[in-house]
C-alpha cells in the first residue's frame, strides 16, 4: 500500500467515525438547541417564574413545551399570553436570547407574538 493510499484510508475512516458519532447524537443534545431557538424565535418576551407560579399556570391548562424536558436539568417552558403574565408579581423579565440568565431559569413564561390580522 502506498503512502497516498494509507492517507486516504485514514481520512475515510475518520469521516466514517464522525458520521457514526453524528448519527448517534441526532436524537440527543444536538437537536435540542435548534428546537429551543425555534421556541424562542416565536416569543416576543420571556419571564423567569417561581416554581409555584409555573405549577399554577399548568393547573390552569397551559402546557409545558417538550423542549424544556430535554435540557439538563429539565426546565418548564410555558407559552402564556401577556395579560396573564402581567398578573404575576414575581415574574422577572429576561432578554429573549440564549443567555446564561435565560438558561439558568428553572421556569420560563414565553409571551408569543400576536397573530392574525391587525386592526386599526
N, C-alpha and C. Protein backbone atom coordinates (compact mmCIF):
# COMPACT_ATOMS: atom_id res chain seq x y z
N UNK A 1 0.85 -1.17 0.00
CA UNK A 1 0.00 0.00 0.00
C UNK A 1 0.90 1.23 0.00
N UNK A 2 0.59 2.18 -0.82
CA UNK A 2 1.41 3.38 -0.91
C UNK A 2 1.02 4.37 0.18
N UNK A 3 1.86 5.37 0.37
CA UNK A 3 1.61 6.39 1.38
C UNK A 3 0.34 7.17 1.08
N UNK A 4 0.08 7.41 -0.19
CA UNK A 4 -1.13 8.15 -0.58
C UNK A 4 -2.37 7.33 -0.24
N UNK A 5 -2.34 6.05 -0.51
CA UNK A 5 -3.47 5.19 -0.20
C UNK A 5 -3.70 5.10 1.31
N UNK A 6 -2.64 5.02 2.08
CA UNK A 6 -2.77 4.99 3.54
C UNK A 6 -3.40 6.27 4.07
N UNK A 7 -2.96 7.40 3.54
CA UNK A 7 -3.53 8.70 3.97
C UNK A 7 -5.01 8.75 3.62
N UNK A 8 -5.38 8.34 2.42
CA UNK A 8 -6.78 8.35 2.01
C UNK A 8 -7.61 7.40 2.87
N UNK A 9 -7.05 6.26 3.24
CA UNK A 9 -7.76 5.32 4.09
C UNK A 9 -7.99 5.91 5.49
N UNK A 10 -6.96 6.57 6.05
CA UNK A 10 -7.13 7.24 7.37
C UNK A 10 -8.20 8.31 7.30
N UNK A 11 -8.20 9.11 6.24
CA UNK A 11 -9.21 10.15 6.09
C UNK A 11 -10.62 9.56 5.97
N UNK A 12 -10.75 8.48 5.21
CA UNK A 12 -12.04 7.82 5.05
C UNK A 12 -12.52 7.28 6.40
N UNK A 13 -11.65 6.60 7.13
CA UNK A 13 -12.02 6.08 8.45
C UNK A 13 -12.43 7.22 9.39
N UNK A 14 -11.73 8.33 9.33
CA UNK A 14 -12.07 9.48 10.16
C UNK A 14 -13.47 10.00 9.83
N UNK A 15 -13.78 10.12 8.53
CA UNK A 15 -15.11 10.59 8.13
C UNK A 15 -16.20 9.62 8.58
N UNK A 16 -15.93 8.32 8.49
CA UNK A 16 -16.91 7.32 8.90
C UNK A 16 -17.15 7.42 10.41
N UNK A 17 -16.11 7.60 11.19
CA UNK A 17 -16.27 7.74 12.64
C UNK A 17 -17.07 8.99 12.99
N UNK A 18 -16.79 10.10 12.34
CA UNK A 18 -17.53 11.34 12.59
C UNK A 18 -19.00 11.16 12.22
N UNK A 19 -19.26 10.55 11.08
CA UNK A 19 -20.63 10.33 10.65
C UNK A 19 -21.37 9.42 11.63
N UNK A 20 -20.74 8.39 12.12
CA UNK A 20 -21.37 7.50 13.10
C UNK A 20 -21.67 8.25 14.39
N UNK A 21 -20.76 9.11 14.82
CA UNK A 21 -20.99 9.90 16.02
C UNK A 21 -22.18 10.83 15.80
N UNK A 22 -22.24 11.48 14.64
CA UNK A 22 -23.35 12.38 14.32
C UNK A 22 -24.68 11.64 14.36
N UNK A 23 -24.74 10.45 13.82
CA UNK A 23 -25.99 9.68 13.83
C UNK A 23 -26.39 9.29 15.25
N UNK A 24 -25.44 8.98 16.10
CA UNK A 24 -25.76 8.67 17.49
C UNK A 24 -26.29 9.90 18.23
N UNK A 25 -25.76 11.07 17.91
CA UNK A 25 -26.14 12.28 18.62
C UNK A 25 -27.43 12.92 18.08
N UNK A 26 -27.89 12.45 16.96
CA UNK A 26 -29.04 13.09 16.30
C UNK A 26 -30.24 13.24 17.22
N UNK A 27 -30.54 12.25 18.04
CA UNK A 27 -31.68 12.31 18.94
C UNK A 27 -31.29 12.76 20.35
N UNK A 28 -30.06 13.23 20.51
CA UNK A 28 -29.62 13.65 21.83
C UNK A 28 -29.48 15.17 21.87
N UNK A 29 -28.47 15.68 22.47
CA UNK A 29 -28.31 17.11 22.70
C UNK A 29 -28.21 17.93 21.41
N UNK A 30 -27.76 17.33 20.36
CA UNK A 30 -27.55 18.09 19.13
C UNK A 30 -28.82 18.82 18.69
N UNK A 31 -29.96 18.19 18.70
CA UNK A 31 -31.18 18.82 18.20
C UNK A 31 -31.87 19.74 19.18
N UNK A 32 -31.54 19.66 20.45
CA UNK A 32 -32.27 20.44 21.44
C UNK A 32 -32.01 21.94 21.26
N UNK A 33 -30.83 22.33 20.88
CA UNK A 33 -30.54 23.76 20.73
C UNK A 33 -31.32 24.35 19.57
N UNK A 34 -31.47 23.60 18.48
CA UNK A 34 -32.28 24.06 17.36
C UNK A 34 -33.73 24.23 17.81
N UNK A 35 -34.26 23.24 18.52
CA UNK A 35 -35.66 23.31 18.96
C UNK A 35 -35.86 24.42 19.97
N UNK A 36 -34.90 24.65 20.86
CA UNK A 36 -35.01 25.74 21.83
C UNK A 36 -34.97 27.09 21.12
N UNK A 37 -34.07 27.26 20.17
CA UNK A 37 -34.01 28.51 19.42
C UNK A 37 -35.31 28.75 18.66
N UNK A 38 -35.91 27.69 18.12
CA UNK A 38 -37.17 27.84 17.40
C UNK A 38 -38.28 28.31 18.34
N UNK A 39 -38.33 27.77 19.55
CA UNK A 39 -39.34 28.21 20.52
C UNK A 39 -39.10 29.68 20.88
N UNK A 40 -37.85 30.06 21.08
CA UNK A 40 -37.54 31.45 21.43
C UNK A 40 -37.83 32.40 20.27
N UNK A 41 -37.71 31.93 19.04
CA UNK A 41 -37.96 32.79 17.88
C UNK A 41 -39.41 33.24 17.81
N UNK A 42 -40.32 32.46 18.35
CA UNK A 42 -41.73 32.81 18.33
C UNK A 42 -42.17 33.58 19.58
N UNK A 43 -41.23 33.93 20.45
CA UNK A 43 -41.56 34.65 21.69
C UNK A 43 -41.09 36.10 21.59
N UNK A 44 -41.96 37.01 21.96
CA UNK A 44 -41.56 38.43 21.96
C UNK A 44 -41.08 38.87 23.33
N UNK A 45 -41.37 38.07 24.36
CA UNK A 45 -40.91 38.39 25.71
C UNK A 45 -40.73 37.08 26.48
N UNK A 46 -39.84 37.12 27.46
CA UNK A 46 -39.59 35.96 28.32
C UNK A 46 -39.52 36.43 29.76
N UNK A 47 -40.04 35.60 30.65
CA UNK A 47 -40.06 35.92 32.08
C UNK A 47 -39.65 34.70 32.88
N UNK A 48 -38.80 34.92 33.87
CA UNK A 48 -38.45 33.86 34.82
C UNK A 48 -39.54 33.82 35.87
N UNK A 49 -40.00 32.63 36.19
CA UNK A 49 -41.08 32.46 37.15
C UNK A 49 -40.65 31.59 38.30
N UNK A 50 -41.22 31.83 39.48
CA UNK A 50 -41.02 30.87 40.58
C UNK A 50 -41.74 29.56 40.26
N UNK A 51 -41.30 28.49 40.84
CA UNK A 51 -41.84 27.15 40.58
C UNK A 51 -43.34 27.09 40.88
N UNK A 52 -43.79 27.70 41.98
CA UNK A 52 -45.21 27.63 42.33
C UNK A 52 -46.09 28.35 41.31
N UNK A 53 -45.61 29.43 40.72
CA UNK A 53 -46.38 30.13 39.68
C UNK A 53 -46.47 29.28 38.42
N UNK A 54 -45.39 28.61 38.06
CA UNK A 54 -45.41 27.74 36.89
C UNK A 54 -46.38 26.58 37.12
N UNK A 55 -46.39 26.04 38.32
CA UNK A 55 -47.33 24.96 38.66
C UNK A 55 -48.76 25.46 38.56
N UNK A 56 -49.01 26.68 39.02
CA UNK A 56 -50.35 27.27 38.94
C UNK A 56 -50.78 27.45 37.48
N UNK A 57 -49.85 27.91 36.64
CA UNK A 57 -50.18 28.08 35.22
C UNK A 57 -50.49 26.74 34.55
N UNK A 58 -49.74 25.70 34.91
CA UNK A 58 -50.02 24.38 34.35
C UNK A 58 -51.37 23.86 34.82
N UNK A 59 -51.75 24.17 36.07
CA UNK A 59 -53.07 23.77 36.56
C UNK A 59 -54.18 24.51 35.81
N UNK A 60 -53.88 25.72 35.32
CA UNK A 60 -54.86 26.48 34.53
C UNK A 60 -54.98 25.96 33.10
N UNK A 61 -54.11 25.05 32.71
CA UNK A 61 -54.22 24.46 31.39
C UNK A 61 -53.10 24.80 30.42
N UNK A 62 -52.15 25.61 30.81
CA UNK A 62 -51.01 25.92 29.94
C UNK A 62 -50.06 24.73 29.95
N UNK A 63 -49.76 24.20 28.76
CA UNK A 63 -48.93 23.01 28.64
C UNK A 63 -47.46 23.38 28.49
N UNK A 64 -46.56 22.72 29.20
CA UNK A 64 -45.12 22.98 29.03
C UNK A 64 -44.63 22.48 27.67
N UNK A 65 -43.72 23.23 27.08
CA UNK A 65 -43.14 22.82 25.80
C UNK A 65 -42.20 21.65 26.04
N UNK A 66 -42.23 20.63 25.20
CA UNK A 66 -41.39 19.44 25.41
C UNK A 66 -39.89 19.71 25.40
N UNK A 67 -39.44 20.78 24.74
CA UNK A 67 -38.00 21.05 24.68
C UNK A 67 -37.43 21.34 26.06
N UNK A 68 -38.24 21.84 26.97
CA UNK A 68 -37.76 22.10 28.33
C UNK A 68 -37.34 20.84 29.06
N UNK A 69 -38.04 19.73 28.80
CA UNK A 69 -37.70 18.46 29.44
C UNK A 69 -36.42 17.86 28.86
N UNK A 70 -36.03 18.30 27.66
CA UNK A 70 -34.84 17.75 27.01
C UNK A 70 -33.55 18.39 27.53
N UNK A 71 -33.68 19.52 28.21
CA UNK A 71 -32.50 20.19 28.76
C UNK A 71 -32.08 19.51 30.05
N UNK A 72 -30.87 19.74 30.45
CA UNK A 72 -30.38 19.15 31.70
C UNK A 72 -29.80 20.25 32.57
N UNK A 73 -30.34 20.55 33.72
CA UNK A 73 -31.52 19.96 34.32
C UNK A 73 -32.78 20.39 33.57
N UNK A 74 -33.85 19.59 33.64
CA UNK A 74 -35.09 19.91 32.92
C UNK A 74 -35.67 21.24 33.39
N UNK A 75 -36.29 21.94 32.46
CA UNK A 75 -36.91 23.23 32.75
C UNK A 75 -38.36 23.21 32.29
N UNK A 76 -39.12 24.14 32.82
CA UNK A 76 -40.52 24.29 32.42
C UNK A 76 -40.61 25.53 31.54
N UNK A 77 -41.00 25.34 30.27
CA UNK A 77 -41.19 26.43 29.32
C UNK A 77 -42.66 26.51 28.98
N UNK A 78 -43.30 27.60 29.36
CA UNK A 78 -44.72 27.77 29.11
C UNK A 78 -44.95 28.93 28.17
N UNK A 79 -45.84 28.78 27.20
CA UNK A 79 -46.24 29.87 26.33
C UNK A 79 -47.52 30.44 26.91
N UNK A 80 -47.44 31.71 27.36
CA UNK A 80 -48.52 32.32 28.12
C UNK A 80 -48.82 33.70 27.54
N UNK A 81 -50.09 34.10 27.44
CA UNK A 81 -50.41 35.44 26.94
C UNK A 81 -49.86 36.53 27.86
N UNK A 82 -49.59 37.69 27.29
CA UNK A 82 -49.00 38.81 28.04
C UNK A 82 -49.92 39.24 29.18
N UNK A 83 -51.23 39.20 28.96
CA UNK A 83 -52.16 39.62 30.00
C UNK A 83 -52.05 38.74 31.24
N UNK A 84 -51.84 37.45 31.03
CA UNK A 84 -51.73 36.52 32.17
C UNK A 84 -50.40 36.71 32.90
N UNK A 85 -49.34 36.93 32.16
CA UNK A 85 -48.03 37.14 32.80
C UNK A 85 -48.03 38.45 33.59
N UNK A 86 -48.75 39.44 33.11
CA UNK A 86 -48.81 40.73 33.81
C UNK A 86 -49.41 40.59 35.21
N UNK A 87 -50.23 39.59 35.44
CA UNK A 87 -50.82 39.38 36.77
C UNK A 87 -49.90 38.64 37.72
N UNK A 88 -48.73 38.23 37.27
CA UNK A 88 -47.78 37.51 38.14
C UNK A 88 -46.76 38.51 38.66
N UNK A 89 -46.84 38.83 39.92
CA UNK A 89 -45.96 39.86 40.51
C UNK A 89 -44.50 39.40 40.55
N UNK A 90 -44.26 38.12 40.69
CA UNK A 90 -42.89 37.62 40.83
C UNK A 90 -42.21 37.35 39.48
N UNK A 91 -42.90 37.62 38.36
CA UNK A 91 -42.31 37.38 37.04
C UNK A 91 -41.18 38.38 36.79
N UNK A 92 -40.01 37.85 36.45
CA UNK A 92 -38.83 38.70 36.21
C UNK A 92 -38.53 38.68 34.72
N UNK A 93 -38.56 39.87 34.06
CA UNK A 93 -38.32 39.89 32.61
C UNK A 93 -36.87 39.51 32.26
N UNK A 94 -36.74 38.79 31.15
CA UNK A 94 -35.44 38.37 30.63
C UNK A 94 -35.36 38.74 29.15
N UNK A 95 -34.15 38.88 28.66
CA UNK A 95 -33.97 39.08 27.22
C UNK A 95 -34.25 37.76 26.51
N UNK A 96 -34.91 37.85 25.36
CA UNK A 96 -35.24 36.64 24.60
C UNK A 96 -34.05 36.28 23.72
N UNK A 97 -33.11 35.58 24.30
CA UNK A 97 -31.93 35.09 23.59
C UNK A 97 -31.29 34.00 24.43
N UNK A 98 -30.46 33.21 23.78
CA UNK A 98 -29.75 32.16 24.52
C UNK A 98 -28.68 32.81 25.37
N UNK A 99 -29.00 33.05 26.61
CA UNK A 99 -28.04 33.67 27.53
C UNK A 99 -27.96 32.83 28.80
N UNK A 100 -26.94 33.09 29.59
CA UNK A 100 -26.78 32.35 30.84
C UNK A 100 -27.96 32.60 31.77
N UNK A 101 -28.46 33.82 31.76
CA UNK A 101 -29.59 34.16 32.64
C UNK A 101 -30.84 33.38 32.24
N UNK A 102 -31.13 33.32 30.94
CA UNK A 102 -32.31 32.60 30.48
C UNK A 102 -32.15 31.10 30.70
N UNK A 103 -30.96 30.57 30.40
CA UNK A 103 -30.75 29.13 30.54
C UNK A 103 -30.68 28.67 31.98
N UNK A 104 -30.41 29.57 32.91
CA UNK A 104 -30.35 29.18 34.31
C UNK A 104 -31.71 29.24 35.00
N UNK A 105 -32.70 29.84 34.35
CA UNK A 105 -34.03 29.92 34.95
C UNK A 105 -34.70 28.55 34.91
N UNK A 106 -35.24 28.14 36.03
CA UNK A 106 -35.89 26.83 36.11
C UNK A 106 -37.25 26.83 35.41
N UNK A 107 -37.97 27.94 35.49
CA UNK A 107 -39.29 28.04 34.88
C UNK A 107 -39.36 29.33 34.07
N UNK A 108 -39.82 29.22 32.84
CA UNK A 108 -39.92 30.37 31.95
C UNK A 108 -41.33 30.50 31.40
N UNK A 109 -41.79 31.74 31.33
CA UNK A 109 -43.03 32.05 30.63
C UNK A 109 -42.64 32.83 29.38
N UNK A 110 -43.04 32.31 28.22
CA UNK A 110 -42.74 32.96 26.96
C UNK A 110 -44.02 33.56 26.40
N UNK A 111 -43.96 34.84 26.05
CA UNK A 111 -45.11 35.55 25.50
C UNK A 111 -44.98 35.52 23.98
N UNK A 112 -45.97 34.94 23.28
CA UNK A 112 -45.86 34.85 21.83
C UNK A 112 -46.16 36.19 21.15
N UNK A 113 -45.68 36.31 19.92
CA UNK A 113 -46.04 37.45 19.11
C UNK A 113 -47.53 37.38 18.80
N UNK A 114 -48.18 38.54 18.64
CA UNK A 114 -49.60 38.48 18.27
C UNK A 114 -49.75 37.89 16.87
N UNK A 115 -50.82 37.16 16.66
CA UNK A 115 -51.07 36.56 15.35
C UNK A 115 -52.40 37.07 14.81
N UNK A 116 -52.61 36.86 13.55
CA UNK A 116 -53.84 37.27 12.92
C UNK A 116 -53.75 38.67 12.34
N UNK A 117 -54.81 39.10 11.67
CA UNK A 117 -54.78 40.42 11.03
C UNK A 117 -54.79 41.54 12.06
N UNK A 118 -54.07 42.58 11.75
CA UNK A 118 -54.03 43.75 12.63
C UNK A 118 -55.21 44.66 12.31
N UNK A 119 -55.77 45.24 13.34
CA UNK A 119 -56.88 46.18 13.15
C UNK A 119 -56.43 47.55 13.59
N UNK A 120 -56.99 48.56 12.97
CA UNK A 120 -56.70 49.93 13.42
C UNK A 120 -55.68 50.63 12.70
